[in-house]
């Protein structure tokens, strides 16, 4: 979706403002640790465009609507739950697989 949105688009500006004013530092750190893993794994999916479209429609836009209405707690819940759900779906299986490979190497 990079073709549609640049680094200063309205959506990113709203989400950055929200991050800087309402998101806990621990959650921001977790996001920056896990987001690159999630993005890399989504990019490997044959339907990555559909996944990103789903994220935009079901996470980003509802978050922005909540932020614009001043419903910061709802926006925070959407953000936190979506990060955890994406982590569960994409990152955890990969991390577990890497862990198993490491253990197998250690046993040899």
PDB file of N, CA and C in Angstrom:
ATOM      1  N   UNK A   1       0.817  -1.199   0.000  1.00  0.00           N
ATOM      2  CA  UNK A   1       0.000   0.000   0.000  1.00  0.00           C
ATOM      3  C   UNK A   1       0.863   1.266   0.000  1.00  0.00           C
ATOM      4  N   UNK A   2       2.168   1.093  -0.110  1.00  0.00           N
ATOM      5  CA  UNK A   2       3.067   2.241  -0.112  1.00  0.00           C
ATOM      6  C   UNK A   2       2.803   3.174  -1.286  1.00  0.00           C
ATOM      7  N   UNK A   3       2.267   2.630  -2.384  1.00  0.00           N
ATOM      8  CA  UNK A   3       1.970   3.464  -3.540  1.00  0.00           C
ATOM      9  C   UNK A   3       0.866   4.461  -3.220  1.00  0.00           C
ATOM     10  N   UNK A   4      -0.030   4.102  -2.316  1.00  0.00           N
ATOM     11  CA  UNK A   4      -1.186   4.930  -1.984  1.00  0.00           C
ATOM     12  C   UNK A   4      -0.885   5.937  -0.884  1.00  0.00           C
ATOM     13  N   UNK A   5      -0.013   5.567   0.061  1.00  0.00           N
ATOM     14  CA  UNK A   5       0.226   6.393   1.237  1.00  0.00           C
ATOM     15  C   UNK A   5       1.702   6.767   1.345  1.00  0.00           C
ATOM     16  N   UNK A   6       1.963   8.055   1.548  1.00  0.00           N
ATOM     17  CA  UNK A   6       3.346   8.448   1.770  1.00  0.00           C
ATOM     18  C   UNK A   6       3.585   8.601   3.277  1.00  0.00           C
ATOM     19  N   UNK A   7       4.803   8.956   3.640  1.00  0.00           N
ATOM     20  CA  UNK A   7       5.194   9.004   5.041  1.00  0.00           C
ATOM     21  C   UNK A   7       4.502  10.115   5.830  1.00  0.00           C
ATOM     22  N   UNK A   8       3.892  11.056   5.133  1.00  0.00           N
ATOM     23  CA  UNK A   8       3.210  12.147   5.831  1.00  0.00           C
ATOM     24  C   UNK A   8       1.709  12.144   5.560  1.00  0.00           C
ATOM     25  N   UNK A   9       1.166  10.988   5.208  1.00  0.00           N
ATOM     26  CA  UNK A   9      -0.274  10.903   4.950  1.00  0.00           C
ATOM     27  C   UNK A   9      -1.052  11.128   6.252  1.00  0.00           C
ATOM     28  N   UNK A  10      -2.297  11.487   6.102  1.00  0.00           N
ATOM     29  CA  UNK A  10      -3.153  11.811   7.242  1.00  0.00           C
ATOM     30  C   UNK A  10      -3.220  10.651   8.238  1.00  0.00           C
ATOM     31  N   UNK A  11      -3.325   9.429   7.739  1.00  0.00           N
ATOM     32  CA  UNK A  11      -3.438   8.268   8.623  1.00  0.00           C
ATOM     33  C   UNK A  11      -2.199   8.121   9.505  1.00  0.00           C
ATOM     34  N   UNK A  12      -1.021   8.200   8.891  1.00  0.00           N
ATOM     35  CA  UNK A  12       0.212   8.061   9.678  1.00  0.00           C
ATOM     36  C   UNK A  12       0.392   9.207  10.663  1.00  0.00           C
ATOM     37  N   UNK A  13       0.042  10.403  10.254  1.00  0.00           N
ATOM     38  CA  UNK A  13       0.168  11.549  11.159  1.00  0.00           C
ATOM     39  C   UNK A  13      -0.736  11.375  12.379  1.00  0.00           C
ATOM     40  N   UNK A  14      -1.968  10.929  12.169  1.00  0.00           N
ATOM     41  CA  UNK A  14      -2.894  10.712  13.286  1.00  0.00           C
ATOM     42  C   UNK A  14      -2.393   9.606  14.205  1.00  0.00           C
ATOM     43  N   UNK A  15      -1.905   8.516  13.613  1.00  0.00           N
ATOM     44  CA  UNK A  15      -1.422   7.402  14.428  1.00  0.00           C
ATOM     45  C   UNK A  15      -0.149   7.769  15.186  1.00  0.00           C
ATOM     46  N   UNK A  16       0.717   8.530  14.579  1.00  0.00           N
ATOM     47  CA  UNK A  16       1.933   8.982  15.284  1.00  0.00           C
ATOM     48  C   UNK A  16       1.579   9.894  16.450  1.00  0.00           C
ATOM     49  N   UNK A  17       0.639  10.811  16.230  1.00  0.00           N
ATOM     50  CA  UNK A  17       0.207  11.695  17.310  1.00  0.00           C
ATOM     51  C   UNK A  17      -0.347  10.866  18.464  1.00  0.00           C
ATOM     52  N   UNK A  18      -1.171   9.898  18.127  1.00  0.00           N
ATOM     53  CA  UNK A  18      -1.754   9.041  19.155  1.00  0.00           C
ATOM     54  C   UNK A  18      -0.661   8.275  19.896  1.00  0.00           C
ATOM     55  N   UNK A  19       0.263   7.691  19.142  1.00  0.00           N
ATOM     56  CA  UNK A  19       1.374   6.952  19.758  1.00  0.00           C
ATOM     57  C   UNK A  19       2.130   7.841  20.741  1.00  0.00           C
ATOM     58  N   UNK A  20       2.470   9.028  20.310  1.00  0.00           N
ATOM     59  CA  UNK A  20       3.296   9.922  21.123  1.00  0.00           C
ATOM     60  C   UNK A  20       2.571  10.459  22.343  1.00  0.00           C
ATOM     61  N   UNK A  21       1.256  10.461  22.312  1.00  0.00           N
ATOM     62  CA  UNK A  21       0.490  11.053  23.409  1.00  0.00           C
ATOM     63  C   UNK A  21      -0.243  10.056  24.301  1.00  0.00           C
ATOM     64  N   UNK A  22      -0.460   8.821  23.823  1.00  0.00           N
ATOM     65  CA  UNK A  22      -1.307   7.921  24.589  1.00  0.00           C
ATOM     66  C   UNK A  22      -0.777   6.498  24.776  1.00  0.00           C
ATOM     67  N   UNK A  23       0.124   6.056  23.953  1.00  0.00           N
ATOM     68  CA  UNK A  23       0.575   4.658  24.023  1.00  0.00           C
ATOM     69  C   UNK A  23       1.706   4.550  25.044  1.00  0.00           C
ATOM     70  N   UNK A  24       1.621   3.526  25.883  1.00  0.00           N
ATOM     71  CA  UNK A  24       2.653   3.294  26.894  1.00  0.00           C
ATOM     72  C   UNK A  24       3.992   2.987  26.241  1.00  0.00           C
ATOM     73  N   UNK A  25       5.055   3.447  26.873  1.00  0.00           N
ATOM     74  CA  UNK A  25       6.404   3.230  26.341  1.00  0.00           C
ATOM     75  C   UNK A  25       6.709   1.743  26.144  1.00  0.00           C
ATOM     76  N   UNK A  26       6.236   0.899  27.059  1.00  0.00           N
ATOM     77  CA  UNK A  26       6.469  -0.541  26.932  1.00  0.00           C
ATOM     78  C   UNK A  26       5.799  -1.106  25.684  1.00  0.00           C
ATOM     79  N   UNK A  27       4.600  -0.606  25.392  1.00  0.00           N
ATOM     80  CA  UNK A  27       3.885  -1.068  24.204  1.00  0.00           C
ATOM     81  C   UNK A  27       4.555  -0.570  22.926  1.00  0.00           C
ATOM     82  N   UNK A  28       5.080   0.639  22.974  1.00  0.00           N
ATOM     83  CA  UNK A  28       5.795   1.170  21.808  1.00  0.00           C
ATOM     84  C   UNK A  28       7.043   0.334  21.550  1.00  0.00           C
ATOM     85  N   UNK A  29       7.787   0.023  22.619  1.00  0.00           N
ATOM     86  CA  UNK A  29       8.996  -0.788  22.462  1.00  0.00           C
ATOM     87  C   UNK A  29       8.640  -2.159  21.894  1.00  0.00           C
ATOM     88  N   UNK A  30       7.600  -2.774  22.441  1.00  0.00           N
ATOM     89  CA  UNK A  30       7.178  -4.093  21.949  1.00  0.00           C
ATOM     90  C   UNK A  30       6.809  -4.012  20.471  1.00  0.00           C
ATOM     91  N   UNK A  31       6.075  -2.975  20.093  1.00  0.00           N
ATOM     92  CA  UNK A  31       5.678  -2.796  18.693  1.00  0.00           C
ATOM     93  C   UNK A  31       6.907  -2.710  17.792  1.00  0.00           C
ATOM     94  N   UNK A  32       7.877  -1.891  18.174  1.00  0.00           N
ATOM     95  CA  UNK A  32       9.067  -1.722  17.330  1.00  0.00           C
ATOM     96  C   UNK A  32       9.935  -2.976  17.300  1.00  0.00           C
ATOM     97  N   UNK A  33       9.821  -3.811  18.320  1.00  0.00           N
ATOM     98  CA  UNK A  33      10.534  -5.096  18.304  1.00  0.00           C
ATOM     99  C   UNK A  33       9.843  -6.112  17.400  1.00  0.00           C
ATOM    100  N   UNK A  34       8.519  -6.172  17.463  1.00  0.00           N
ATOM    101  CA  UNK A  34       7.782  -7.247  16.789  1.00  0.00           C
ATOM    102  C   UNK A  34       7.291  -6.853  15.394  1.00  0.00           C
ATOM    103  N   UNK A  35       7.028  -5.582  15.151  1.00  0.00           N
ATOM    104  CA  UNK A  35       6.469  -5.159  13.862  1.00  0.00           C
ATOM    105  C   UNK A  35       7.331  -5.548  12.667  1.00  0.00           C
ATOM    106  N   UNK A  36       8.655  -5.382  12.717  1.00  0.00           N
ATOM    107  CA  UNK A  36       9.447  -5.796  11.545  1.00  0.00           C
ATOM    108  C   UNK A  36       9.333  -7.288  11.249  1.00  0.00           C
ATOM    109  N   UNK A  37       9.221  -8.088  12.278  1.00  0.00           N
ATOM    110  CA  UNK A  37       9.059  -9.536  12.086  1.00  0.00           C
ATOM    111  C   UNK A  37       7.721  -9.811  11.417  1.00  0.00           C
ATOM    112  N   UNK A  38       6.668  -9.179  11.918  1.00  0.00           N
ATOM    113  CA  UNK A  38       5.331  -9.373  11.360  1.00  0.00           C
ATOM    114  C   UNK A  38       5.290  -8.930   9.900  1.00  0.00           C
ATOM    115  N   UNK A  39       5.834  -7.759   9.613  1.00  0.00           N
ATOM    116  CA  UNK A  39       5.824  -7.229   8.239  1.00  0.00           C
ATOM    117  C   UNK A  39       6.589  -8.152   7.304  1.00  0.00           C
ATOM    118  N   UNK A  40       7.761  -8.598   7.726  1.00  0.00           N
ATOM    119  CA  UNK A  40       8.542  -9.513   6.879  1.00  0.00           C
ATOM    120  C   UNK A  40       7.770 -10.792   6.579  1.00  0.00           C
ATOM    121  N   UNK A  41       7.086 -11.317   7.572  1.00  0.00           N
ATOM    122  CA  UNK A  41       6.339 -12.555   7.362  1.00  0.00           C
ATOM    123  C   UNK A  41       5.083 -12.340   6.531  1.00  0.00           C
ATOM    124  N   UNK A  42       4.422 -11.203   6.697  1.00  0.00           N
ATOM    125  CA  UNK A  42       3.273 -10.891   5.839  1.00  0.00           C
ATOM    126  C   UNK A  42       3.746 -10.751   4.402  1.00  0.00           C
ATOM    127  N   UNK A  43       4.880 -10.098   4.206  1.00  0.00           N
ATOM    128  CA  UNK A  43       5.407  -9.906   2.852  1.00  0.00           C
ATOM    129  C   UNK A  43       5.698 -11.227   2.149  1.00  0.00           C
ATOM    130  N   UNK A  44       5.927 -12.283   2.893  1.00  0.00           N
ATOM    131  CA  UNK A  44       6.189 -13.599   2.309  1.00  0.00           C
ATOM    132  C   UNK A  44       4.910 -14.324   1.890  1.00  0.00           C
ATOM    133  N   UNK A  45       3.767 -13.814   2.322  1.00  0.00           N
ATOM    134  CA  UNK A  45       2.489 -14.455   2.011  1.00  0.00           C
ATOM    135  C   UNK A  45       2.071 -14.118   0.579  1.00  0.00           C
ATOM    136  N   UNK A  46       1.528 -15.094  -0.155  1.00  0.00           N
ATOM    137  CA  UNK A  46       1.087 -14.810  -1.527  1.00  0.00           C
ATOM    138  C   UNK A  46      -0.063 -13.799  -1.588  1.00  0.00           C
ATOM    139  N   UNK A  47      -0.816 -13.682  -0.506  1.00  0.00           N
ATOM    140  CA  UNK A  47      -1.948 -12.755  -0.461  1.00  0.00           C
ATOM    141  C   UNK A  47      -1.641 -11.543   0.423  1.00  0.00           C
ATOM    142  N   UNK A  48      -0.384 -11.108   0.452  1.00  0.00           N
ATOM    143  CA  UNK A  48       0.007 -10.016   1.348  1.00  0.00           C
ATOM    144  C   UNK A  48      -0.809  -8.742   1.105  1.00  0.00           C
ATOM    145  N   UNK A  49      -1.147  -8.444  -0.138  1.00  0.00           N
ATOM    146  CA  UNK A  49      -1.955  -7.241  -0.411  1.00  0.00           C
ATOM    147  C   UNK A  49      -3.317  -7.322   0.258  1.00  0.00           C
ATOM    148  N   UNK A  50      -3.922  -8.498   0.248  1.00  0.00           N
ATOM    149  CA  UNK A  50      -5.214  -8.680   0.920  1.00  0.00           C
ATOM    150  C   UNK A  50      -5.073  -8.524   2.435  1.00  0.00           C
ATOM    151  N   UNK A  51      -3.973  -9.032   2.969  1.00  0.00           N
ATOM    152  CA  UNK A  51      -3.734  -8.913   4.410  1.00  0.00           C
ATOM    153  C   UNK A  51      -3.579  -7.446   4.793  1.00  0.00           C
ATOM    154  N   UNK A  52      -2.776  -6.708   4.040  1.00  0.00           N
ATOM    155  CA  UNK A  52      -2.587  -5.286   4.334  1.00  0.00           C
ATOM    156  C   UNK A  52      -3.890  -4.501   4.164  1.00  0.00           C
ATOM    157  N   UNK A  53      -4.674  -4.862   3.171  1.00  0.00           N
ATOM    158  CA  UNK A  53      -5.970  -4.202   2.982  1.00  0.00           C
ATOM    159  C   UNK A  53      -6.869  -4.472   4.180  1.00  0.00           C
ATOM    160  N   UNK A  54      -6.861  -5.721   4.659  1.00  0.00           N
ATOM    161  CA  UNK A  54      -7.656  -6.078   5.839  1.00  0.00           C
ATOM    162  C   UNK A  54      -7.192  -5.268   7.050  1.00  0.00           C
ATOM    163  N   UNK A  55      -5.881  -5.153   7.243  1.00  0.00           N
ATOM    164  CA  UNK A  55      -5.343  -4.381   8.368  1.00  0.00           C
ATOM    165  C   UNK A  55      -5.778  -2.918   8.256  1.00  0.00           C
ATOM    166  N   UNK A  56      -5.702  -2.381   7.055  1.00  0.00           N
ATOM    167  CA  UNK A  56      -6.104  -0.986   6.862  1.00  0.00           C
ATOM    168  C   UNK A  56      -7.582  -0.791   7.212  1.00  0.00           C
ATOM    169  N   UNK A  57      -8.431  -1.655   6.694  1.00  0.00           N
ATOM    170  CA  UNK A  57      -9.875  -1.506   6.881  1.00  0.00           C
ATOM    171  C   UNK A  57     -10.338  -1.846   8.297  1.00  0.00           C
ATOM    172  N   UNK A  58      -9.659  -2.790   8.951  1.00  0.00           N
ATOM    173  CA  UNK A  58     -10.139  -3.298  10.236  1.00  0.00           C
ATOM    174  C   UNK A  58      -9.327  -2.859  11.447  1.00  0.00           C
ATOM    175  N   UNK A  59      -8.175  -2.259  11.208  1.00  0.00           N
ATOM    176  CA  UNK A  59      -7.345  -1.786  12.321  1.00  0.00           C
ATOM    177  C   UNK A  59      -7.080  -0.293  12.192  1.00  0.00           C
ATOM    178  N   UNK A  60      -6.481   0.097  11.096  1.00  0.00           N
ATOM    179  CA  UNK A  60      -6.065   1.498  10.942  1.00  0.00           C
ATOM    180  C   UNK A  60      -7.263   2.444  10.907  1.00  0.00           C
ATOM    181  N   UNK A  61      -8.207   2.194  10.013  1.00  0.00           N
ATOM    182  CA  UNK A  61      -9.340   3.113   9.901  1.00  0.00           C
ATOM    183  C   UNK A  61     -10.202   3.158  11.164  1.00  0.00           C
ATOM    184  N   UNK A  62     -10.548   2.022  11.780  1.00  0.00           N
ATOM    185  CA  UNK A  62     -11.300   2.128  13.042  1.00  0.00           C
ATOM    186  C   UNK A  62     -10.515   2.864  14.131  1.00  0.00           C
ATOM    187  N   UNK A  63      -9.188   2.691  14.151  1.00  0.00           N
ATOM    188  CA  UNK A  63      -8.369   3.413  15.130  1.00  0.00           C
ATOM    189  C   UNK A  63      -8.434   4.913  14.877  1.00  0.00           C
ATOM    190  N   UNK A  64      -8.312   5.299  13.628  1.00  0.00           N
ATOM    191  CA  UNK A  64      -8.343   6.724  13.283  1.00  0.00           C
ATOM    192  C   UNK A  64      -9.700   7.333  13.609  1.00  0.00           C
ATOM    193  N   UNK A  65     -10.769   6.613  13.312  1.00  0.00           N
ATOM    194  CA  UNK A  65     -12.109   7.116  13.637  1.00  0.00           C
ATOM    195  C   UNK A  65     -12.237   7.316  15.145  1.00  0.00           C
ATOM    196  N   UNK A  66     -11.750   6.339  15.920  1.00  0.00           N
ATOM    197  CA  UNK A  66     -11.809   6.459  17.376  1.00  0.00           C
ATOM    198  C   UNK A  66     -10.982   7.646  17.861  1.00  0.00           C
ATOM    199  N   UNK A  67      -9.795   7.830  17.296  1.00  0.00           N
ATOM    200  CA  UNK A  67      -8.940   8.960  17.677  1.00  0.00           C
ATOM    201  C   UNK A  67      -9.633  10.277  17.355  1.00  0.00           C
ATOM    202  N   UNK A  68     -10.205  10.382  16.173  1.00  0.00           N
ATOM    203  CA  UNK A  68     -10.874  11.626  15.758  1.00  0.00           C
ATOM    204  C   UNK A  68     -12.063  11.951  16.653  1.00  0.00           C
ATOM    205  N   UNK A  69     -12.721  10.925  17.190  1.00  0.00           N
ATOM    206  CA  UNK A  69     -13.864  11.135  18.075  1.00  0.00           C
ATOM    207  C   UNK A  69     -13.433  11.324  19.532  1.00  0.00           C
ATOM    208  N   UNK A  70     -12.127  11.214  19.785  1.00  0.00           N
ATOM    209  CA  UNK A  70     -11.636  11.355  21.151  1.00  0.00           C
ATOM    210  C   UNK A  70     -11.797  10.095  21.978  1.00  0.00           C
ATOM    211  N   UNK A  71     -12.106   8.983  21.337  1.00  0.00           N
ATOM    212  CA  UNK A  71     -12.256   7.697  22.024  1.00  0.00           C
ATOM    213  C   UNK A  71     -10.891   7.002  22.094  1.00  0.00           C
ATOM    214  N   UNK A  72     -10.000   7.580  22.898  1.00  0.00           N
ATOM    215  CA  UNK A  72      -8.620   7.109  22.932  1.00  0.00           C
ATOM    216  C   UNK A  72      -8.480   5.710  23.528  1.00  0.00           C
ATOM    217  N   UNK A  73      -9.329   5.384  24.479  1.00  0.00           N
ATOM    218  CA  UNK A  73      -9.274   4.038  25.064  1.00  0.00           C
ATOM    219  C   UNK A  73      -9.659   2.979  24.020  1.00  0.00           C
ATOM    220  N   UNK A  74     -10.662   3.258  23.224  1.00  0.00           N
ATOM    221  CA  UNK A  74     -11.060   2.333  22.152  1.00  0.00           C
ATOM    222  C   UNK A  74      -9.929   2.210  21.128  1.00  0.00           C
ATOM    223  N   UNK A  75      -9.337   3.335  20.749  1.00  0.00           N
ATOM    224  CA  UNK A  75      -8.219   3.304  19.797  1.00  0.00           C
ATOM    225  C   UNK A  75      -7.063   2.482  20.362  1.00  0.00           C
ATOM    226  N   UNK A  76      -6.796   2.647  21.644  1.00  0.00           N
ATOM    227  CA  UNK A  76      -5.710   1.903  22.283  1.00  0.00           C
ATOM    228  C   UNK A  76      -6.010   0.401  22.274  1.00  0.00           C
ATOM    229  N   UNK A  77      -7.250   0.048  22.574  1.00  0.00           N
ATOM    230  CA  UNK A  77      -7.645  -1.374  22.559  1.00  0.00           C
ATOM    231  C   UNK A  77      -7.508  -1.963  21.157  1.00  0.00           C
ATOM    232  N   UNK A  78      -7.942  -1.222  20.156  1.00  0.00           N
ATOM    233  CA  UNK A  78      -7.811  -1.699  18.775  1.00  0.00           C
ATOM    234  C   UNK A  78      -6.345  -1.930  18.446  1.00  0.00           C
ATOM    235  N   UNK A  79      -5.508  -0.941  18.785  1.00  0.00           N
ATOM    236  CA  UNK A  79      -4.069  -1.034  18.523  1.00  0.00           C
ATOM    237  C   UNK A  79      -3.463  -2.247  19.219  1.00  0.00           C
ATOM    238  N   UNK A  80      -3.657  -2.344  20.519  1.00  0.00           N
ATOM    239  CA  UNK A  80      -3.011  -3.398  21.307  1.00  0.00           C
ATOM    240  C   UNK A  80      -3.501  -4.784  20.874  1.00  0.00           C
ATOM    241  N   UNK A  81      -4.800  -4.933  20.709  1.00  0.00           N
ATOM    242  CA  UNK A  81      -5.342  -6.233  20.309  1.00  0.00           C
ATOM    243  C   UNK A  81      -4.880  -6.642  18.918  1.00  0.00           C
ATOM    244  N   UNK A  82      -4.769  -5.676  18.025  1.00  0.00           N
ATOM    245  CA  UNK A  82      -4.340  -6.021  16.663  1.00  0.00           C
ATOM    246  C   UNK A  82      -2.874  -6.426  16.643  1.00  0.00           C
ATOM    247  N   UNK A  83      -2.030  -5.737  17.390  1.00  0.00           N
ATOM    248  CA  UNK A  83      -0.614  -6.118  17.449  1.00  0.00           C
ATOM    249  C   UNK A  83      -0.485  -7.531  18.013  1.00  0.00           C
ATOM    250  N   UNK A  84      -1.204  -7.810  19.083  1.00  0.00           N
ATOM    251  CA  UNK A  84      -1.139  -9.144  19.691  1.00  0.00           C
ATOM    252  C   UNK A  84      -1.681 -10.219  18.748  1.00  0.00           C
ATOM    253  N   UNK A  85      -2.757  -9.915  18.035  1.00  0.00           N
ATOM    254  CA  UNK A  85      -3.331 -10.888  17.100  1.00  0.00           C
ATOM    255  C   UNK A  85      -2.396 -11.151  15.922  1.00  0.00           C
ATOM    256  N   UNK A  86      -1.800 -10.092  15.388  1.00  0.00           N
ATOM    257  CA  UNK A  86      -0.860 -10.271  14.277  1.00  0.00           C
ATOM    258  C   UNK A  86       0.395 -11.010  14.734  1.00  0.00           C
ATOM    259  N   UNK A  87       0.818 -10.730  15.940  1.00  0.00           N
ATOM    260  CA  UNK A  87       1.967 -11.450  16.503  1.00  0.00           C
ATOM    261  C   UNK A  87       1.643 -12.938  16.633  1.00  0.00           C
ATOM    262  N   UNK A  88       0.477 -13.227  17.139  1.00  0.00           N
ATOM    263  CA  UNK A  88       0.052 -14.622  17.324  1.00  0.00           C
ATOM    264  C   UNK A  88      -0.034 -15.347  15.983  1.00  0.00           C
ATOM    265  N   UNK A  89      -0.574 -14.675  14.981  1.00  0.00           N
ATOM    266  CA  UNK A  89      -0.777 -15.318  13.685  1.00  0.00           C
ATOM    267  C   UNK A  89       0.517 -15.470  12.881  1.00  0.00           C
ATOM    268  N   UNK A  90       1.358 -14.443  12.895  1.00  0.00           N
ATOM    269  CA  UNK A  90       2.525 -14.453  12.016  1.00  0.00           C
ATOM    270  C   UNK A  90       3.845 -14.683  12.748  1.00  0.00           C
ATOM    271  N   UNK A  91       4.073 -13.982  13.825  1.00  0.00           N
ATOM    272  CA  UNK A  91       5.402 -14.020  14.451  1.00  0.00           C
ATOM    273  C   UNK A  91       5.624 -15.252  15.318  1.00  0.00           C
ATOM    274  N   UNK A  92       4.666 -15.584  16.154  1.00  0.00           N
ATOM    275  CA  UNK A  92       4.886 -16.698  17.090  1.00  0.00           C
ATOM    276  C   UNK A  92       5.221 -18.012  16.397  1.00  0.00           C
ATOM    277  N   UNK A  93       4.486 -18.403  15.360  1.00  0.00           N
ATOM    278  CA  UNK A  93       4.856 -19.668  14.698  1.00  0.00           C
ATOM    279  C   UNK A  93       6.288 -19.632  14.161  1.00  0.00           C
ATOM    280  N   UNK A  94       6.692 -18.503  13.625  1.00  0.00           N
ATOM    281  CA  UNK A  94       8.046 -18.375  13.087  1.00  0.00           C
ATOM    282  C   UNK A  94       9.080 -18.412  14.195  1.00  0.00           C
ATOM    283  N   UNK A  95       8.817 -17.713  15.287  1.00  0.00           N
ATOM    284  CA  UNK A  95       9.739 -17.691  16.418  1.00  0.00           C
ATOM    285  C   UNK A  95       9.860 -19.084  17.016  1.00  0.00           C
ATOM    286  N   UNK A  96       8.743 -19.791  17.154  1.00  0.00           N
ATOM    287  CA  UNK A  96       8.774 -21.156  17.692  1.00  0.00           C
ATOM    288  C   UNK A  96       9.565 -22.082  16.776  1.00  0.00           C
ATOM    289  N   UNK A  97       9.384 -21.937  15.486  1.00  0.00           N
ATOM    290  CA  UNK A  97      10.107 -22.755  14.519  1.00  0.00           C
ATOM    291  C   UNK A  97      11.609 -22.496  14.622  1.00  0.00           C
ATOM    292  N   UNK A  98      11.998 -21.236  14.746  1.00  0.00           N
ATOM    293  CA  UNK A  98      13.411 -20.897  14.892  1.00  0.00           C
ATOM    294  C   UNK A  98      13.979 -21.464  16.194  1.00  0.00           C
ATOM    295  N   UNK A  99      13.182 -21.435  17.248  1.00  0.00           N
ATOM    296  CA  UNK A  99      13.602 -21.970  18.539  1.00  0.00           C
ATOM    297  C   UNK A  99      13.840 -23.472  18.453  1.00  0.00           C
ATOM    298  N   UNK A 100      12.935 -24.192  17.787  1.00  0.00           N
ATOM    299  CA  UNK A 100      13.076 -25.639  17.617  1.00  0.00           C
ATOM    300  C   UNK A 100      14.345 -25.947  16.813  1.00  0.00           C
ATOM    301  N   UNK A 101      14.593 -25.207  15.750  1.00  0.00           N
ATOM    302  CA  UNK A 101      15.803 -25.412  14.949  1.00  0.00           C
ATOM    303  C   UNK A 101      17.054 -25.201  15.804  1.00  0.00           C
ATOM    304  N   UNK A 102      17.038 -24.180  16.628  1.00  0.00           N
ATOM    305  CA  UNK A 102      18.182 -23.897  17.499  1.00  0.00           C
ATOM    306  C   UNK A 102      18.399 -25.031  18.486  1.00  0.00           C
ATOM    307  N   UNK A 103      17.311 -25.526  19.072  1.00  0.00           N
ATOM    308  CA  UNK A 103      17.425 -26.637  20.020  1.00  0.00           C
ATOM    309  C   UNK A 103      17.975 -27.893  19.346  1.00  0.00           C
ATOM    310  N   UNK A 104      17.544 -28.144  18.125  1.00  0.00           N
ATOM    311  CA  UNK A 104      18.036 -29.322  17.398  1.00  0.00           C
ATOM    312  C   UNK A 104      19.531 -29.203  17.135  1.00  0.00           C
ATOM    313  N   UNK A 105      19.990 -28.001  16.821  1.00  0.00           N
ATOM    314  CA  UNK A 105      21.420 -27.792  16.585  1.00  0.00           C
ATOM    315  C   UNK A 105      22.217 -28.010  17.867  1.00  0.00           C
ATOM    316  N   UNK A 106      21.663 -27.552  18.983  1.00  0.00           N
ATOM    317  CA  UNK A 106      22.349 -27.691  20.260  1.00  0.00           C
ATOM    318  C   UNK A 106      22.473 -29.174  20.647  1.00  0.00           C
ATOM    319  N   UNK A 107      21.454 -29.949  20.378  1.00  0.00           N
ATOM    320  CA  UNK A 107      21.447 -31.376  20.729  1.00  0.00           C
ATOM    321  C   UNK A 107      22.475 -32.184  19.933  1.00  0.00           C
ATOM    322  N   UNK A 108      22.831 -31.708  18.751  1.00  0.00           N
ATOM    323  CA  UNK A 108      23.761 -32.462  17.894  1.00  0.00           C
ATOM    324  C   UNK A 108      25.130 -32.393  18.395  1.00  0.00           C
TER     325      UNK A 108
END
